[in-house]
Amino acid sequence: MANALLGAVQVEAMLVESAATGPEDLAAAHRQQLATAGVSDDVEKLAAFLRWQALRVAGPLQLVAQDPSTGPIPLAAAHAAEGLQKLLRVADTGQVPDVEAVKASSSRTCP
């Protein structure tokens, strides 16, 4: 039920954001979302929230990339989303993402 509601709300947000009159309006909408989610004032919570969003994007991209007719772009986007969520995993632990931390994070299995 929660995911169904989330999907409906995301479509509405997409429609509202597409009508934004400029970059300031879009940035204000994004700030409002982060404030409502309670993550705007905490870098670790923000990283965890953004990681969750990246994970939600990566799965469907991987499914789309399975179809050879889609070309290389969805596969590249899936890899980019996976890399982003790995970096954000490091950030949501409060670590400063250096090369060793990213390597250690990459060797773990993604949830």
C-alpha atoms as a PDB file:
ATOM      1  CA  MET A   1       0.000   0.000   0.000  1.00  0.00           C
ATOM      2  CA  ALA A   2       2.773   2.455   0.938  1.00  0.00           C
ATOM      3  CA  ASN A   3       4.567   1.872  -2.372  1.00  0.00           C
ATOM      4  CA  ALA A   4       1.339   2.375  -4.320  1.00  0.00           C
ATOM      5  CA  LEU A   5       0.793   5.692  -2.545  1.00  0.00           C
ATOM      6  CA  LEU A   6       4.421   6.635  -3.117  1.00  0.00           C
ATOM      7  CA  GLY A   7       4.044   5.981  -6.831  1.00  0.00           C
ATOM      8  CA  ALA A   8       0.950   8.174  -7.034  1.00  0.00           C
ATOM      9  CA  VAL A   9       2.644  10.985  -5.118  1.00  0.00           C
ATOM     10  CA  GLN A  10       5.774  10.749  -7.262  1.00  0.00           C
ATOM     11  CA  VAL A  11       3.729  11.150 -10.444  1.00  0.00           C
ATOM     12  CA  GLU A  12       2.018  14.222  -8.988  1.00  0.00           C
ATOM     13  CA  ALA A  13       5.388  15.661  -7.919  1.00  0.00           C
ATOM     14  CA  MET A  14       6.760  15.018 -11.404  1.00  0.00           C
ATOM     15  CA  LEU A  15       3.840  16.896 -12.965  1.00  0.00           C
ATOM     16  CA  VAL A  16       4.206  19.831 -10.575  1.00  0.00           C
ATOM     17  CA  GLU A  17       7.982  20.002 -11.047  1.00  0.00           C
ATOM     18  CA  SER A  18       7.624  19.937 -14.832  1.00  0.00           C
ATOM     19  CA  ALA A  19       5.570  23.133 -14.525  1.00  0.00           C
ATOM     20  CA  ALA A  20       8.259  24.877 -12.446  1.00  0.00           C
ATOM     21  CA  THR A  21       8.957  28.326 -13.839  1.00  0.00           C
ATOM     22  CA  GLY A  22      12.681  28.211 -13.214  1.00  0.00           C
ATOM     23  CA  PRO A  23      15.562  26.528 -11.421  1.00  0.00           C
ATOM     24  CA  GLU A  24      14.749  28.396  -8.196  1.00  0.00           C
ATOM     25  CA  ASP A  25      11.248  26.869  -8.081  1.00  0.00           C
ATOM     26  CA  LEU A  26      12.638  23.400  -8.692  1.00  0.00           C
ATOM     27  CA  ALA A  27      15.296  23.828  -6.001  1.00  0.00           C
ATOM     28  CA  ALA A  28      12.619  25.048  -3.565  1.00  0.00           C
ATOM     29  CA  ALA A  29      10.490  21.969  -4.305  1.00  0.00           C
ATOM     30  CA  HIS A  30      13.458  19.682  -3.660  1.00  0.00           C
ATOM     31  CA  ARG A  31      14.307  21.489  -0.407  1.00  0.00           C
ATOM     32  CA  GLN A  32      10.684  21.092   0.709  1.00  0.00           C
ATOM     33  CA  GLN A  33      10.792  17.349   0.016  1.00  0.00           C
ATOM     34  CA  LEU A  34      14.002  16.938   2.029  1.00  0.00           C
ATOM     35  CA  ALA A  35      12.657  19.021   4.916  1.00  0.00           C
ATOM     36  CA  THR A  36       9.396  17.043   4.989  1.00  0.00           C
ATOM     37  CA  ALA A  37      11.379  13.793   4.988  1.00  0.00           C
ATOM     38  CA  GLY A  38      13.352  15.109   7.962  1.00  0.00           C
ATOM     39  CA  VAL A  39      16.732  14.778   6.273  1.00  0.00           C
ATOM     40  CA  SER A  40      17.630  18.338   5.308  1.00  0.00           C
ATOM     41  CA  ASP A  41      19.605  19.148   8.457  1.00  0.00           C
ATOM     42  CA  ASP A  42      21.557  15.901   8.849  1.00  0.00           C
ATOM     43  CA  VAL A  43      24.148  14.917   6.252  1.00  0.00           C
ATOM     44  CA  GLU A  44      24.138  11.233   7.242  1.00  0.00           C
ATOM     45  CA  LYS A  45      20.332  11.001   7.097  1.00  0.00           C
ATOM     46  CA  LEU A  46      20.364  12.856   3.781  1.00  0.00           C
ATOM     47  CA  ALA A  47      22.925  10.426   2.330  1.00  0.00           C
ATOM     48  CA  ALA A  48      20.811   7.457   3.500  1.00  0.00           C
ATOM     49  CA  PHE A  49      17.664   9.000   1.980  1.00  0.00           C
ATOM     50  CA  LEU A  50      19.382   9.692  -1.332  1.00  0.00           C
ATOM     51  CA  ARG A  51      20.844   6.183  -1.332  1.00  0.00           C
ATOM     52  CA  TRP A  52      17.339   4.774  -0.917  1.00  0.00           C
ATOM     53  CA  GLN A  53      16.229   6.850  -3.901  1.00  0.00           C
ATOM     54  CA  ALA A  54      19.191   5.609  -5.974  1.00  0.00           C
ATOM     55  CA  LEU A  55      18.328   2.011  -5.080  1.00  0.00           C
ATOM     56  CA  ARG A  56      14.749   2.591  -6.246  1.00  0.00           C
ATOM     57  CA  VAL A  57      16.088   3.835  -9.604  1.00  0.00           C
ATOM     58  CA  ALA A  58      18.738   1.141 -10.113  1.00  0.00           C
ATOM     59  CA  GLY A  59      16.351  -1.830 -10.042  1.00  0.00           C
ATOM     60  CA  PRO A  60      14.033  -0.705 -12.855  1.00  0.00           C
ATOM     61  CA  LEU A  61      17.017   0.446 -14.921  1.00  0.00           C
ATOM     62  CA  GLN A  62      18.554  -3.010 -14.619  1.00  0.00           C
ATOM     63  CA  LEU A  63      15.296  -4.546 -15.835  1.00  0.00           C
ATOM     64  CA  VAL A  64      15.110  -2.177 -18.802  1.00  0.00           C
ATOM     65  CA  ALA A  65      18.751  -2.896 -19.647  1.00  0.00           C
ATOM     66  CA  GLN A  66      17.948  -6.619 -20.024  1.00  0.00           C
ATOM     67  CA  ASP A  67      16.168  -5.831 -23.301  1.00  0.00           C
ATOM     68  CA  PRO A  68      18.830  -5.636 -26.044  1.00  0.00           C
ATOM     69  CA  SER A  69      16.670  -3.245 -28.077  1.00  0.00           C
ATOM     70  CA  THR A  70      17.143  -0.498 -25.462  1.00  0.00           C
ATOM     71  CA  GLY A  71      20.800  -0.010 -26.366  1.00  0.00           C
ATOM     72  CA  PRO A  72      23.656   0.814 -23.994  1.00  0.00           C
ATOM     73  CA  ILE A  73      22.220   3.892 -22.249  1.00  0.00           C
ATOM     74  CA  PRO A  74      19.939   2.116 -19.708  1.00  0.00           C
ATOM     75  CA  LEU A  75      22.780  -0.261 -18.803  1.00  0.00           C
ATOM     76  CA  ALA A  76      25.179   2.644 -18.298  1.00  0.00           C
ATOM     77  CA  ALA A  77      22.548   4.424 -16.203  1.00  0.00           C
ATOM     78  CA  ALA A  78      22.034   1.286 -14.098  1.00  0.00           C
ATOM     79  CA  HIS A  79      25.776   1.084 -13.460  1.00  0.00           C
ATOM     80  CA  ALA A  80      25.870   4.789 -12.574  1.00  0.00           C
ATOM     81  CA  ALA A  81      22.956   4.367 -10.139  1.00  0.00           C
ATOM     82  CA  GLU A  82      24.703   1.414  -8.525  1.00  0.00           C
ATOM     83  CA  GLY A  83      27.925   3.400  -8.176  1.00  0.00           C
ATOM     84  CA  LEU A  84      26.029   6.343  -6.701  1.00  0.00           C
ATOM     85  CA  GLN A  85      24.303   4.220  -4.090  1.00  0.00           C
ATOM     86  CA  LYS A  86      27.647   2.657  -3.107  1.00  0.00           C
ATOM     87  CA  LEU A  87      29.196   6.095  -2.595  1.00  0.00           C
ATOM     88  CA  LEU A  88      26.162   7.220  -0.614  1.00  0.00           C
ATOM     89  CA  ARG A  89      26.426   4.092   1.568  1.00  0.00           C
ATOM     90  CA  VAL A  90      29.884   5.281   2.584  1.00  0.00           C
ATOM     91  CA  ALA A  91      28.595   8.816   3.183  1.00  0.00           C
ATOM     92  CA  ASP A  92      25.615   7.710   5.288  1.00  0.00           C
ATOM     93  CA  THR A  93      27.979   6.089   7.771  1.00  0.00           C
ATOM     94  CA  GLY A  94      29.536   9.489   8.398  1.00  0.00           C
ATOM     95  CA  GLN A  95      32.802   8.611   6.720  1.00  0.00           C
ATOM     96  CA  VAL A  96      34.654  10.967   4.456  1.00  0.00           C
ATOM     97  CA  PRO A  97      34.526   9.056   1.161  1.00  0.00           C
ATOM     98  CA  ASP A  98      38.147   8.317   0.334  1.00  0.00           C
ATOM     99  CA  VAL A  99      39.348   5.645  -2.078  1.00  0.00           C
ATOM    100  CA  GLU A 100      39.826   2.978   0.599  1.00  0.00           C
ATOM    101  CA  ALA A 101      36.359   3.530   2.084  1.00  0.00           C
ATOM    102  CA  VAL A 102      34.760   3.266  -1.350  1.00  0.00           C
ATOM    103  CA  LYS A 103      36.712   0.072  -2.113  1.00  0.00           C
ATOM    104  CA  ALA A 104      35.602  -1.438   1.204  1.00  0.00           C
ATOM    105  CA  SER A 105      32.009  -0.431   0.527  1.00  0.00           C
ATOM    106  CA  SER A 106      32.112  -1.839  -3.004  1.00  0.00           C
ATOM    107  CA  SER A 107      33.277  -5.223  -1.764  1.00  0.00           C
ATOM    108  CA  ARG A 108      30.168  -5.605   0.427  1.00  0.00           C
ATOM    109  CA  THR A 109      26.923  -6.915  -0.946  1.00  0.00           C
ATOM    110  CA  CYS A 110      24.295  -4.281  -1.640  1.00  0.00           C
ATOM    111  CA  PRO A 111      21.049  -4.684   0.353  1.00  0.00           C
END
